[in-house]
Amino acid sequence: MFVLDGTNLPNPNSYSKSTNVIGGFVTTLLGGIRRAIRNKKYVHELGWTNLSSSDLTTILAIYNKDTTVTFINSDLGIDTTVHVDVSDDVINPGMAEYLRQYSIILTEA
């Protein structure tokens, strides 16, 4: 179960987790390269096909708060604070209730 800002999200069709490394590379005097890792932040991306209008409205309300929110998935052991970004929507003609394909990108704060 995916929970964003206390709201249960519908089960996504896709989920991915990637790592953003904060830091840089340093070249030593002898020409070697050392990596100076200061921190690692995870980025979670959830995607839906045929997301209903009511679910989209709920997700956009969380996004429009323009602040960090909690993201929880007990199945994966995730409980973190994230920034929410949303994708551009894709309109599927001919579908009255389910209008969009959508994804959200959650970057750890």
PDB file of N, CA and C in Angstrom:
ATOM      1  N   MET A   1       0.842  -1.178   0.000  1.00  0.00           N
ATOM      2  CA  MET A   1       0.000   0.000   0.000  1.00  0.00           C
ATOM      3  C   MET A   1       0.889   1.244   0.000  1.00  0.00           C
ATOM      4  N   PHE A   2       0.605   2.144  -0.915  1.00  0.00           N
ATOM      5  CA  PHE A   2       1.340   3.393  -1.015  1.00  0.00           C
ATOM      6  C   PHE A   2       0.518   4.503  -0.365  1.00  0.00           C
ATOM      7  N   VAL A   3       1.130   5.229   0.572  1.00  0.00           N
ATOM      8  CA  VAL A   3       0.461   6.308   1.290  1.00  0.00           C
ATOM      9  C   VAL A   3       1.282   7.582   1.100  1.00  0.00           C
ATOM     10  N   LEU A   4       0.632   8.624   0.609  1.00  0.00           N
ATOM     11  CA  LEU A   4       1.285   9.913   0.395  1.00  0.00           C
ATOM     12  C   LEU A   4       0.523  10.969   1.167  1.00  0.00           C
ATOM     13  N   ASP A   5       1.188  11.600   2.113  1.00  0.00           N
ATOM     14  CA  ASP A   5       0.587  12.651   2.942  1.00  0.00           C
ATOM     15  C   ASP A   5      -0.688  12.159   3.630  1.00  0.00           C
ATOM     16  N   GLY A   6      -0.657  10.904   4.107  1.00  0.00           N
ATOM     17  CA  GLY A   6      -1.792  10.338   4.817  1.00  0.00           C
ATOM     18  C   GLY A   6      -2.916   9.843   3.927  1.00  0.00           C
ATOM     19  N   THR A   7      -2.740   9.920   2.608  1.00  0.00           N
ATOM     20  CA  THR A   7      -3.769   9.503   1.660  1.00  0.00           C
ATOM     21  C   THR A   7      -3.336   8.216   0.962  1.00  0.00           C
ATOM     22  N   ASN A   8      -4.192   7.208   0.973  1.00  0.00           N
ATOM     23  CA  ASN A   8      -3.896   5.966   0.258  1.00  0.00           C
ATOM     24  C   ASN A   8      -3.967   6.220  -1.242  1.00  0.00           C
ATOM     25  N   LEU A   9      -2.899   5.860  -1.943  1.00  0.00           N
ATOM     26  CA  LEU A   9      -2.878   5.990  -3.397  1.00  0.00           C
ATOM     27  C   LEU A   9      -3.357   4.691  -4.029  1.00  0.00           C
ATOM     28  N   PRO A  10      -3.935   4.775  -5.234  1.00  0.00           N
ATOM     29  CA  PRO A  10      -4.272   3.521  -5.920  1.00  0.00           C
ATOM     30  C   PRO A  10      -2.982   2.773  -6.255  1.00  0.00           C
ATOM     31  N   ASN A  11      -3.077   1.459  -6.366  1.00  0.00           N
ATOM     32  CA  ASN A  11      -1.886   0.683  -6.700  1.00  0.00           C
ATOM     33  C   ASN A  11      -1.355   1.108  -8.063  1.00  0.00           C
ATOM     34  N   PRO A  12      -0.072   1.458  -8.134  1.00  0.00           N
ATOM     35  CA  PRO A  12       0.481   1.907  -9.416  1.00  0.00           C
ATOM     36  C   PRO A  12       0.730   0.723 -10.350  1.00  0.00           C
ATOM     37  N   ASN A  13       0.750   1.025 -11.648  1.00  0.00           N
ATOM     38  CA  ASN A  13       1.106   0.014 -12.641  1.00  0.00           C
ATOM     39  C   ASN A  13       2.615  -0.166 -12.716  1.00  0.00           C
ATOM     40  N   SER A  14       3.360   0.867 -12.308  1.00  0.00           N
ATOM     41  CA  SER A  14       4.821   0.769 -12.304  1.00  0.00           C
ATOM     42  C   SER A  14       5.373   1.512 -11.091  1.00  0.00           C
ATOM     43  N   TYR A  15       6.486   1.000 -10.601  1.00  0.00           N
ATOM     44  CA  TYR A  15       7.186   1.626  -9.480  1.00  0.00           C
ATOM     45  C   TYR A  15       8.675   1.426  -9.695  1.00  0.00           C
ATOM     46  N   SER A  16       9.433   2.503  -9.518  1.00  0.00           N
ATOM     47  CA  SER A  16      10.892   2.384  -9.596  1.00  0.00           C
ATOM     48  C   SER A  16      11.519   3.241  -8.503  1.00  0.00           C
ATOM     49  N   LYS A  17      12.689   2.805  -8.073  1.00  0.00           N
ATOM     50  CA  LYS A  17      13.432   3.516  -7.037  1.00  0.00           C
ATOM     51  C   LYS A  17      14.858   3.664  -7.542  1.00  0.00           C
ATOM     52  N   SER A  18      15.330   4.901  -7.601  1.00  0.00           N
ATOM     53  CA  SER A  18      16.706   5.153  -8.033  1.00  0.00           C
ATOM     54  C   SER A  18      17.419   5.972  -6.963  1.00  0.00           C
ATOM     55  N   THR A  19      18.733   6.065  -7.108  1.00  0.00           N
ATOM     56  CA  THR A  19      19.545   6.764  -6.118  1.00  0.00           C
ATOM     57  C   THR A  19      20.206   7.982  -6.745  1.00  0.00           C
ATOM     58  N   ASN A  20      20.075   9.118  -6.085  1.00  0.00           N
ATOM     59  CA  ASN A  20      20.821  10.321  -6.456  1.00  0.00           C
ATOM     60  C   ASN A  20      21.982  10.459  -5.487  1.00  0.00           C
ATOM     61  N   VAL A  21      23.186  10.490  -6.012  1.00  0.00           N
ATOM     62  CA  VAL A  21      24.372  10.639  -5.181  1.00  0.00           C
ATOM     63  C   VAL A  21      24.708  12.116  -5.103  1.00  0.00           C
ATOM     64  N   ILE A  22      24.880  12.606  -3.880  1.00  0.00           N
ATOM     65  CA  ILE A  22      25.238  14.002  -3.662  1.00  0.00           C
ATOM     66  C   ILE A  22      26.712  14.042  -3.315  1.00  0.00           C
ATOM     67  N   GLY A  23      27.458  14.752  -4.101  1.00  0.00           N
ATOM     68  CA  GLY A  23      28.906  14.818  -3.933  1.00  0.00           C
ATOM     69  C   GLY A  23      29.542  15.059  -5.280  1.00  0.00           C
ATOM     70  N   GLY A  24      30.789  14.673  -5.419  1.00  0.00           N
ATOM     71  CA  GLY A  24      31.465  14.889  -6.680  1.00  0.00           C
ATOM     72  C   GLY A  24      32.709  14.046  -6.795  1.00  0.00           C
ATOM     73  N   PHE A  25      33.441  14.284  -7.864  1.00  0.00           N
ATOM     74  CA  PHE A  25      34.688  13.581  -8.119  1.00  0.00           C
ATOM     75  C   PHE A  25      35.847  14.543  -7.926  1.00  0.00           C
ATOM     76  N   VAL A  26      36.923  14.038  -7.391  1.00  0.00           N
ATOM     77  CA  VAL A  26      38.127  14.839  -7.154  1.00  0.00           C
ATOM     78  C   VAL A  26      39.285  14.148  -7.860  1.00  0.00           C
ATOM     79  N   THR A  27      40.059  14.911  -8.642  1.00  0.00           N
ATOM     80  CA  THR A  27      41.250  14.375  -9.291  1.00  0.00           C
ATOM     81  C   THR A  27      42.448  14.643  -8.397  1.00  0.00           C
ATOM     82  N   THR A  28      43.179  13.598  -8.074  1.00  0.00           N
ATOM     83  CA  THR A  28      44.350  13.743  -7.208  1.00  0.00           C
ATOM     84  C   THR A  28      45.541  14.261  -8.009  1.00  0.00           C
ATOM     85  N   LEU A  29      46.598  14.643  -7.312  1.00  0.00           N
ATOM     86  CA  LEU A  29      47.802  15.143  -7.981  1.00  0.00           C
ATOM     87  C   LEU A  29      48.454  14.094  -8.872  1.00  0.00           C
ATOM     88  N   LEU A  30      48.262  12.826  -8.549  1.00  0.00           N
ATOM     89  CA  LEU A  30      48.844  11.758  -9.353  1.00  0.00           C
ATOM     90  C   LEU A  30      47.926  11.315 -10.500  1.00  0.00           C
ATOM     91  N   GLY A  31      46.802  12.001 -10.680  1.00  0.00           N
ATOM     92  CA  GLY A  31      45.905  11.696 -11.785  1.00  0.00           C
ATOM     93  C   GLY A  31      44.807  10.712 -11.462  1.00  0.00           C
ATOM     94  N   GLY A  32      44.759  10.235 -10.245  1.00  0.00           N
ATOM     95  CA  GLY A  32      43.677   9.328  -9.854  1.00  0.00           C
ATOM     96  C   GLY A  32      42.392  10.097  -9.599  1.00  0.00           C
ATOM     97  N   ILE A  33      41.310   9.386  -9.588  1.00  0.00           N
ATOM     98  CA  ILE A  33      40.013  10.014  -9.325  1.00  0.00           C
ATOM     99  C   ILE A  33      39.431   9.413  -8.054  1.00  0.00           C
ATOM    100  N   ARG A  34      39.035  10.275  -7.155  1.00  0.00           N
ATOM    101  CA  ARG A  34      38.374   9.857  -5.928  1.00  0.00           C
ATOM    102  C   ARG A  34      36.965  10.433  -5.927  1.00  0.00           C
ATOM    103  N   ARG A  35      36.091   9.652  -5.410  1.00  0.00           N
ATOM    104  CA  ARG A  35      34.697  10.074  -5.337  1.00  0.00           C
ATOM    105  C   ARG A  35      34.396  10.544  -3.925  1.00  0.00           C
ATOM    106  N   ALA A  36      33.912  11.757  -3.801  1.00  0.00           N
ATOM    107  CA  ALA A  36      33.576  12.325  -2.492  1.00  0.00           C
ATOM    108  C   ALA A  36      32.052  12.295  -2.332  1.00  0.00           C
ATOM    109  N   ILE A  37      31.545  11.207  -1.765  1.00  0.00           N
ATOM    110  CA  ILE A  37      30.101  11.067  -1.573  1.00  0.00           C
ATOM    111  C   ILE A  37      29.723  11.699  -0.238  1.00  0.00           C
ATOM    112  N   ARG A  38      28.826  12.659  -0.301  1.00  0.00           N
ATOM    113  CA  ARG A  38      28.376  13.345   0.915  1.00  0.00           C
ATOM    114  C   ARG A  38      27.054  12.785   1.427  1.00  0.00           C
ATOM    115  N   ASN A  39      26.211  12.340   0.489  1.00  0.00           N
ATOM    116  CA  ASN A  39      24.904  11.833   0.892  1.00  0.00           C
ATOM    117  C   ASN A  39      24.264  11.087  -0.283  1.00  0.00           C
ATOM    118  N   LYS A  40      23.275  10.279   0.002  1.00  0.00           N
ATOM    119  CA  LYS A  40      22.491   9.599  -1.032  1.00  0.00           C
ATOM    120  C   LYS A  40      21.017   9.866  -0.760  1.00  0.00           C
ATOM    121  N   LYS A  41      20.311  10.245  -1.791  1.00  0.00           N
ATOM    122  CA  LYS A  41      18.869  10.475  -1.701  1.00  0.00           C
ATOM    123  C   LYS A  41      18.186   9.548  -2.698  1.00  0.00           C
ATOM    124  N   TYR A  42      17.054   9.010  -2.316  1.00  0.00           N
ATOM    125  CA  TYR A  42      16.316   8.112  -3.193  1.00  0.00           C
ATOM    126  C   TYR A  42      15.197   8.858  -3.912  1.00  0.00           C
ATOM    127  N   VAL A  43      14.941   8.435  -5.120  1.00  0.00           N
ATOM    128  CA  VAL A  43      13.858   8.986  -5.931  1.00  0.00           C
ATOM    129  C   VAL A  43      12.911   7.835  -6.255  1.00  0.00           C
ATOM    130  N   HIS A  44      11.646   7.999  -5.896  1.00  0.00           N
ATOM    131  CA  HIS A  44      10.622   6.990  -6.135  1.00  0.00           C
ATOM    132  C   HIS A  44       9.712   7.509  -7.246  1.00  0.00           C
ATOM    133  N   GLU A  45       9.456   6.679  -8.238  1.00  0.00           N
ATOM    134  CA  GLU A  45       8.532   7.068  -9.305  1.00  0.00           C
ATOM    135  C   GLU A  45       7.406   6.050  -9.387  1.00  0.00           C
ATOM    136  N   LEU A  46       6.182   6.554  -9.286  1.00  0.00           N
ATOM    137  CA  LEU A  46       4.991   5.722  -9.366  1.00  0.00           C
ATOM    138  C   LEU A  46       4.226   6.115 -10.617  1.00  0.00           C
ATOM    139  N   GLY A  47       3.811   5.123 -11.401  1.00  0.00           N
ATOM    140  CA  GLY A  47       3.098   5.410 -12.635  1.00  0.00           C
ATOM    141  C   GLY A  47       1.791   4.654 -12.725  1.00  0.00           C
ATOM    142  N   TRP A  48       0.797   5.306 -13.307  1.00  0.00           N
ATOM    143  CA  TRP A  48      -0.520   4.698 -13.479  1.00  0.00           C
ATOM    144  C   TRP A  48      -0.956   4.837 -14.928  1.00  0.00           C
ATOM    145  N   THR A  49      -1.648   3.843 -15.417  1.00  0.00           N
ATOM    146  CA  THR A  49      -2.374   3.974 -16.676  1.00  0.00           C
ATOM    147  C   THR A  49      -3.849   3.972 -16.323  1.00  0.00           C
ATOM    148  N   ASN A  50      -4.591   4.767 -17.027  1.00  0.00           N
ATOM    149  CA  ASN A  50      -6.036   4.882 -16.782  1.00  0.00           C
ATOM    150  C   ASN A  50      -6.335   5.306 -15.351  1.00  0.00           C
ATOM    151  N   LEU A  51      -5.664   6.340 -14.894  1.00  0.00           N
ATOM    152  CA  LEU A  51      -5.903   6.896 -13.562  1.00  0.00           C
ATOM    153  C   LEU A  51      -7.227   7.653 -13.580  1.00  0.00           C
ATOM    154  N   SER A  52      -8.080   7.380 -12.612  1.00  0.00           N
ATOM    155  CA  SER A  52      -9.395   8.038 -12.589  1.00  0.00           C
ATOM    156  C   SER A  52      -9.252   9.520 -12.263  1.00  0.00           C
ATOM    157  N   SER A  53     -10.255  10.265 -12.647  1.00  0.00           N
ATOM    158  CA  SER A  53     -10.241  11.714 -12.408  1.00  0.00           C
ATOM    159  C   SER A  53     -10.196  12.042 -10.929  1.00  0.00           C
ATOM    160  N   SER A  54     -10.917  11.277 -10.109  1.00  0.00           N
ATOM    161  CA  SER A  54     -10.924  11.560  -8.671  1.00  0.00           C
ATOM    162  C   SER A  54      -9.549  11.279  -8.052  1.00  0.00           C
ATOM    163  N   ASP A  55      -8.885  10.198  -8.494  1.00  0.00           N
ATOM    164  CA  ASP A  55      -7.535   9.914  -7.986  1.00  0.00           C
ATOM    165  C   ASP A  55      -6.553  10.995  -8.431  1.00  0.00           C
ATOM    166  N   LEU A  56      -6.695  11.447  -9.662  1.00  0.00           N
ATOM    167  CA  LEU A  56      -5.822  12.517 -10.155  1.00  0.00           C
ATOM    168  C   LEU A  56      -6.028  13.800  -9.364  1.00  0.00           C
ATOM    169  N   THR A  57      -7.266  14.126  -9.067  1.00  0.00           N
ATOM    170  CA  THR A  57      -7.571  15.323  -8.279  1.00  0.00           C
ATOM    171  C   THR A  57      -6.915  15.236  -6.901  1.00  0.00           C
ATOM    172  N   THR A  58      -6.948  14.062  -6.283  1.00  0.00           N
ATOM    173  CA  THR A  58      -6.331  13.857  -4.975  1.00  0.00           C
ATOM    174  C   THR A  58      -4.822  14.053  -5.049  1.00  0.00           C
ATOM    175  N   ILE A  59      -4.186  13.473  -6.052  1.00  0.00           N
ATOM    176  CA  ILE A  59      -2.734  13.601  -6.209  1.00  0.00           C
ATOM    177  C   ILE A  59      -2.343  15.043  -6.467  1.00  0.00           C
ATOM    178  N   LEU A  60      -3.099  15.738  -7.321  1.00  0.00           N
ATOM    179  CA  LEU A  60      -2.778  17.134  -7.614  1.00  0.00           C
ATOM    180  C   LEU A  60      -2.987  18.040  -6.402  1.00  0.00           C
ATOM    181  N   ALA A  61      -3.941  17.712  -5.548  1.00  0.00           N
ATOM    182  CA  ALA A  61      -4.141  18.495  -4.320  1.00  0.00           C
ATOM    183  C   ALA A  61      -2.920  18.378  -3.411  1.00  0.00           C
ATOM    184  N   ILE A  62      -2.343  17.188  -3.333  1.00  0.00           N
ATOM    185  CA  ILE A  62      -1.123  17.003  -2.533  1.00  0.00           C
ATOM    186  C   ILE A  62       0.033  17.762  -3.170  1.00  0.00           C
ATOM    187  N   TYR A  63       0.165  17.657  -4.491  1.00  0.00           N
ATOM    188  CA  TYR A  63       1.231  18.354  -5.212  1.00  0.00           C
ATOM    189  C   TYR A  63       1.123  19.874  -5.024  1.00  0.00           C
ATOM    190  N   ASN A  64      -0.095  20.401  -5.084  1.00  0.00           N
ATOM    191  CA  ASN A  64      -0.307  21.845  -5.003  1.00  0.00           C
ATOM    192  C   ASN A  64      -0.052  22.419  -3.615  1.00  0.00           C
ATOM    193  N   LYS A  65       0.132  21.583  -2.616  1.00  0.00           N
ATOM    194  CA  LYS A  65       0.515  22.076  -1.289  1.00  0.00           C
ATOM    195  C   LYS A  65       1.884  22.731  -1.334  1.00  0.00           C
ATOM    196  N   ASP A  66       2.710  22.310  -2.304  1.00  0.00           N
ATOM    197  CA  ASP A  66       4.034  22.884  -2.531  1.00  0.00           C
ATOM    198  C   ASP A  66       4.914  22.834  -1.275  1.00  0.00           C
ATOM    199  N   THR A  67       4.886  21.690  -0.613  1.00  0.00           N
ATOM    200  CA  THR A  67       5.710  21.472   0.569  1.00  0.00           C
ATOM    201  C   THR A  67       6.099  20.000   0.621  1.00  0.00           C
ATOM    202  N   THR A  68       6.986  19.649   1.523  1.00  0.00           N
ATOM    203  CA  THR A  68       7.350  18.244   1.668  1.00  0.00           C
ATOM    204  C   THR A  68       6.214  17.498   2.366  1.00  0.00           C
ATOM    205  N   VAL A  69       6.063  16.220   2.016  1.00  0.00           N
ATOM    206  CA  VAL A  69       5.028  15.374   2.606  1.00  0.00           C
ATOM    207  C   VAL A  69       5.638  14.017   2.930  1.00  0.00           C
ATOM    208  N   THR A  70       4.918  13.220   3.696  1.00  0.00           N
ATOM    209  CA  THR A  70       5.410  11.884   4.037  1.00  0.00           C
ATOM    210  C   THR A  70       4.997  10.887   2.949  1.00  0.00           C
ATOM    211  N   PHE A  71       5.881   9.930   2.708  1.00  0.00           N
ATOM    212  CA  PHE A  71       5.622   8.836   1.771  1.00  0.00           C
ATOM    213  C   PHE A  71       5.900   7.536   2.508  1.00  0.00           C
ATOM    214  N   ILE A  72       4.908   6.655   2.541  1.00  0.00           N
ATOM    215  CA  ILE A  72       5.026   5.399   3.279  1.00  0.00           C
ATOM    216  C   ILE A  72       4.628   4.233   2.372  1.00  0.00           C
ATOM    217  N   ASN A  73       5.424   3.194   2.418  1.00  0.00           N
ATOM    218  CA  ASN A  73       5.036   1.897   1.864  1.00  0.00           C
ATOM    219  C   ASN A  73       5.557   0.843   2.818  1.00  0.00           C
ATOM    220  N   SER A  74       4.654   0.291   3.608  1.00  0.00           N
ATOM    221  CA  SER A  74       5.067  -0.677   4.627  1.00  0.00           C
ATOM    222  C   SER A  74       5.580  -1.973   4.013  1.00  0.00           C
ATOM    223  N   ASP A  75       5.088  -2.334   2.825  1.00  0.00           N
ATOM    224  CA  ASP A  75       5.555  -3.562   2.160  1.00  0.00           C
ATOM    225  C   ASP A  75       7.033  -3.480   1.809  1.00  0.00           C
ATOM    226  N   LEU A  76       7.501  -2.291   1.431  1.00  0.00           N
ATOM    227  CA  LEU A  76       8.895  -2.098   1.042  1.00  0.00           C
ATOM    228  C   LEU A  76       9.743  -1.500   2.162  1.00  0.00           C
ATOM    229  N   GLY A  77       9.127  -1.199   3.306  1.00  0.00           N
ATOM    230  CA  GLY A  77       9.861  -0.628   4.431  1.00  0.00           C
ATOM    231  C   GLY A  77      10.264   0.815   4.210  1.00  0.00           C
ATOM    232  N   ILE A  78       9.425   1.563   3.505  1.00  0.00           N
ATOM    233  CA  ILE A  78       9.727   2.966   3.202  1.00  0.00           C
ATOM    234  C   ILE A  78       8.875   3.865   4.079  1.00  0.00           C
ATOM    235  N   ASP A  79       9.501   4.802   4.745  1.00  0.00           N
ATOM    236  CA  ASP A  79       8.830   5.845   5.520  1.00  0.00           C
ATOM    237  C   ASP A  79       9.744   7.053   5.488  1.00  0.00           C
ATOM    238  N   THR A  80       9.450   8.002   4.607  1.00  0.00           N
ATOM    239  CA  THR A  80      10.368   9.105   4.378  1.00  0.00           C
ATOM    240  C   THR A  80       9.609  10.381   4.028  1.00  0.00           C
ATOM    241  N   THR A  81      10.308  11.493   4.046  1.00  0.00           N
ATOM    242  CA  THR A  81       9.758  12.789   3.650  1.00  0.00           C
ATOM    243  C   THR A  81      10.236  13.094   2.234  1.00  0.00           C
ATOM    244  N   VAL A  82       9.294  13.521   1.374  1.00  0.00           N
ATOM    245  CA  VAL A  82       9.624  13.705  -0.037  1.00  0.00           C
ATOM    246  C   VAL A  82       9.081  15.024  -0.587  1.00  0.00           C
ATOM    247  N   HIS A  83       9.695  15.459  -1.686  1.00  0.00           N
ATOM    248  CA  HIS A  83       9.158  16.523  -2.530  1.00  0.00           C
ATOM    249  C   HIS A  83       8.381  15.829  -3.644  1.00  0.00           C
ATOM    250  N   VAL A  84       7.236  16.372  -4.027  1.00  0.00           N
ATOM    251  CA  VAL A  84       6.377  15.741  -5.031  1.00  0.00           C
ATOM    252  C   VAL A  84       6.468  16.513  -6.344  1.00  0.00           C
ATOM    253  N   ASP A  85       6.725  15.800  -7.431  1.00  0.00           N
ATOM    254  CA  ASP A  85       6.655  16.351  -8.781  1.00  0.00           C
ATOM    255  C   ASP A  85       5.723  15.466  -9.581  1.00  0.00           C
ATOM    256  N   VAL A  86       5.034  16.044 -10.551  1.00  0.00           N
ATOM    257  CA  VAL A  86       4.089  15.279 -11.361  1.00  0.00           C
ATOM    258  C   VAL A  86       4.503  15.332 -12.823  1.00  0.00           C
ATOM    259  N   SER A  87       4.102  14.312 -13.562  1.00  0.00           N
ATOM    260  CA  SER A  87       4.403  14.262 -14.986  1.00  0.00           C
ATOM    261  C   SER A  87       3.333  15.017 -15.763  1.00  0.00           C
ATOM    262  N   ASP A  88       3.611  15.206 -17.042  1.00  0.00           N
ATOM    263  CA  ASP A  88       2.572  15.701 -17.935  1.00  0.00           C
ATOM    264  C   ASP A  88       1.593  14.562 -18.162  1.00  0.00           C
ATOM    265  N   ASP A  89       0.326  14.901 -18.280  1.00  0.00           N
ATOM    266  CA  ASP A  89      -0.656  13.837 -18.474  1.00  0.00           C
ATOM    267  C   ASP A  89      -0.845  13.534 -19.949  1.00  0.00           C
ATOM    268  N   VAL A  90      -1.311  12.328 -20.216  1.00  0.00           N
ATOM    269  CA  VAL A  90      -1.604  11.885 -21.568  1.00  0.00           C
ATOM    270  C   VAL A  90      -3.089  11.560 -21.608  1.00  0.00           C
ATOM    271  N   ILE A  91      -3.830  12.269 -22.429  1.00  0.00           N
ATOM    272  CA  ILE A  91      -5.277  12.072 -22.479  1.00  0.00           C
ATOM    273  C   ILE A  91      -5.587  10.923 -23.428  1.00  0.00           C
ATOM    274  N   ASN A  92      -6.404   9.994 -22.949  1.00  0.00           N
ATOM    275  CA  ASN A  92      -6.852   8.868 -23.768  1.00  0.00           C
ATOM    276  C   ASN A  92      -8.272   9.151 -24.253  1.00  0.00           C
ATOM    277  N   PRO A  93      -8.451   9.459 -25.535  1.00  0.00           N
ATOM    278  CA  PRO A  93      -9.806   9.761 -26.012  1.00  0.00           C
ATOM    279  C   PRO A  93     -10.719   8.547 -25.910  1.00  0.00           C
ATOM    280  N   GLY A  94     -11.993   8.814 -25.654  1.00  0.00           N
ATOM    281  CA  GLY A  94     -12.980   7.746 -25.632  1.00  0.00           C
ATOM    282  C   GLY A  94     -13.148   7.066 -24.285  1.00  0.00           C
ATOM    283  N   MET A  95     -12.425   7.504 -23.280  1.00  0.00           N
ATOM    284  CA  MET A  95     -12.570   6.888 -21.964  1.00  0.00           C
ATOM    285  C   MET A  95     -13.168   7.925 -21.024  1.00  0.00           C
ATOM    286  N   ALA A  96     -14.409   7.708 -20.630  1.00  0.00           N
ATOM    287  CA  ALA A  96     -15.125   8.720 -19.865  1.00  0.00           C
ATOM    288  C   ALA A  96     -14.603   8.850 -18.438  1.00  0.00           C
ATOM    289  N   GLU A  97     -14.485   7.729 -17.724  1.00  0.00           N
ATOM    290  CA  GLU A  97     -14.109   7.812 -16.315  1.00  0.00           C
ATOM    291  C   GLU A  97     -12.599   7.882 -16.143  1.00  0.00           C
ATOM    292  N   TYR A  98     -11.857   7.107 -16.920  1.00  0.00           N
ATOM    293  CA  TYR A  98     -10.416   7.039 -16.765  1.00  0.00           C
ATOM    294  C   TYR A  98      -9.766   7.861 -17.855  1.00  0.00           C
ATOM    295  N   LEU A  99      -9.240   9.002 -17.487  1.00  0.00           N
ATOM    296  CA  LEU A  99      -8.818   9.975 -18.481  1.00  0.00           C
ATOM    297  C   LEU A  99      -7.330   9.999 -18.770  1.00  0.00           C
ATOM    298  N   ARG A 100      -6.477   9.566 -17.833  1.00  0.00           N
ATOM    299  CA  ARG A 100      -5.084   9.920 -17.977  1.00  0.00           C
ATOM    300  C   ARG A 100      -4.128   8.788 -17.637  1.00  0.00           C
ATOM    301  N   GLN A 101      -2.945   8.891 -18.252  1.00  0.00           N
ATOM    302  CA  GLN A 101      -1.790   8.142 -17.792  1.00  0.00           C
ATOM    303  C   GLN A 101      -0.967   9.143 -17.012  1.00  0.00           C
ATOM    304  N   TYR A 102      -0.497   8.754 -15.866  1.00  0.00           N
ATOM    305  CA  TYR A 102       0.151   9.734 -14.996  1.00  0.00           C
ATOM    306  C   TYR A 102       1.260   9.087 -14.182  1.00  0.00           C
ATOM    307  N   SER A 103       2.242   9.899 -13.828  1.00  0.00           N
ATOM    308  CA  SER A 103       3.267   9.424 -12.900  1.00  0.00           C
ATOM    309  C   SER A 103       3.658  10.558 -11.978  1.00  0.00           C
ATOM    310  N   ILE A 104       4.095  10.182 -10.788  1.00  0.00           N
ATOM    311  CA  ILE A 104       4.605  11.171  -9.841  1.00  0.00           C
ATOM    312  C   ILE A 104       6.032  10.779  -9.482  1.00  0.00           C
ATOM    313  N   ILE A 105       6.843  11.797  -9.256  1.00  0.00           N
ATOM    314  CA  ILE A 105       8.240  11.595  -8.875  1.00  0.00           C
ATOM    315  C   ILE A 105       8.402  12.138  -7.469  1.00  0.00           C
ATOM    316  N   LEU A 106       8.839  11.273  -6.563  1.00  0.00           N
ATOM    317  CA  LEU A 106       8.994  11.633  -5.158  1.00  0.00           C
ATOM    318  C   LEU A 106      10.479  11.612  -4.821  1.00  0.00           C
ATOM    319  N   THR A 107      11.032  12.782  -4.545  1.00  0.00           N
ATOM    320  CA  THR A 107      12.454  12.913  -4.244  1.00  0.00           C
ATOM    321  C   THR A 107      12.613  13.166  -2.755  1.00  0.00           C
ATOM    322  N   GLU A 108      13.441  12.345  -2.093  1.00  0.00           N
ATOM    323  CA  GLU A 108      13.635  12.512  -0.657  1.00  0.00           C
ATOM    324  C   GLU A 108      14.161  13.901  -0.334  1.00  0.00           C
ATOM    325  N   ALA A 109      13.634  14.450   0.734  1.00  0.00           N
ATOM    326  CA  ALA A 109      14.041  15.796   1.167  1.00  0.00           C
ATOM    327  C   ALA A 109      15.370  15.748   1.898  1.00  0.00           C
TER     328      ALA A 109
END
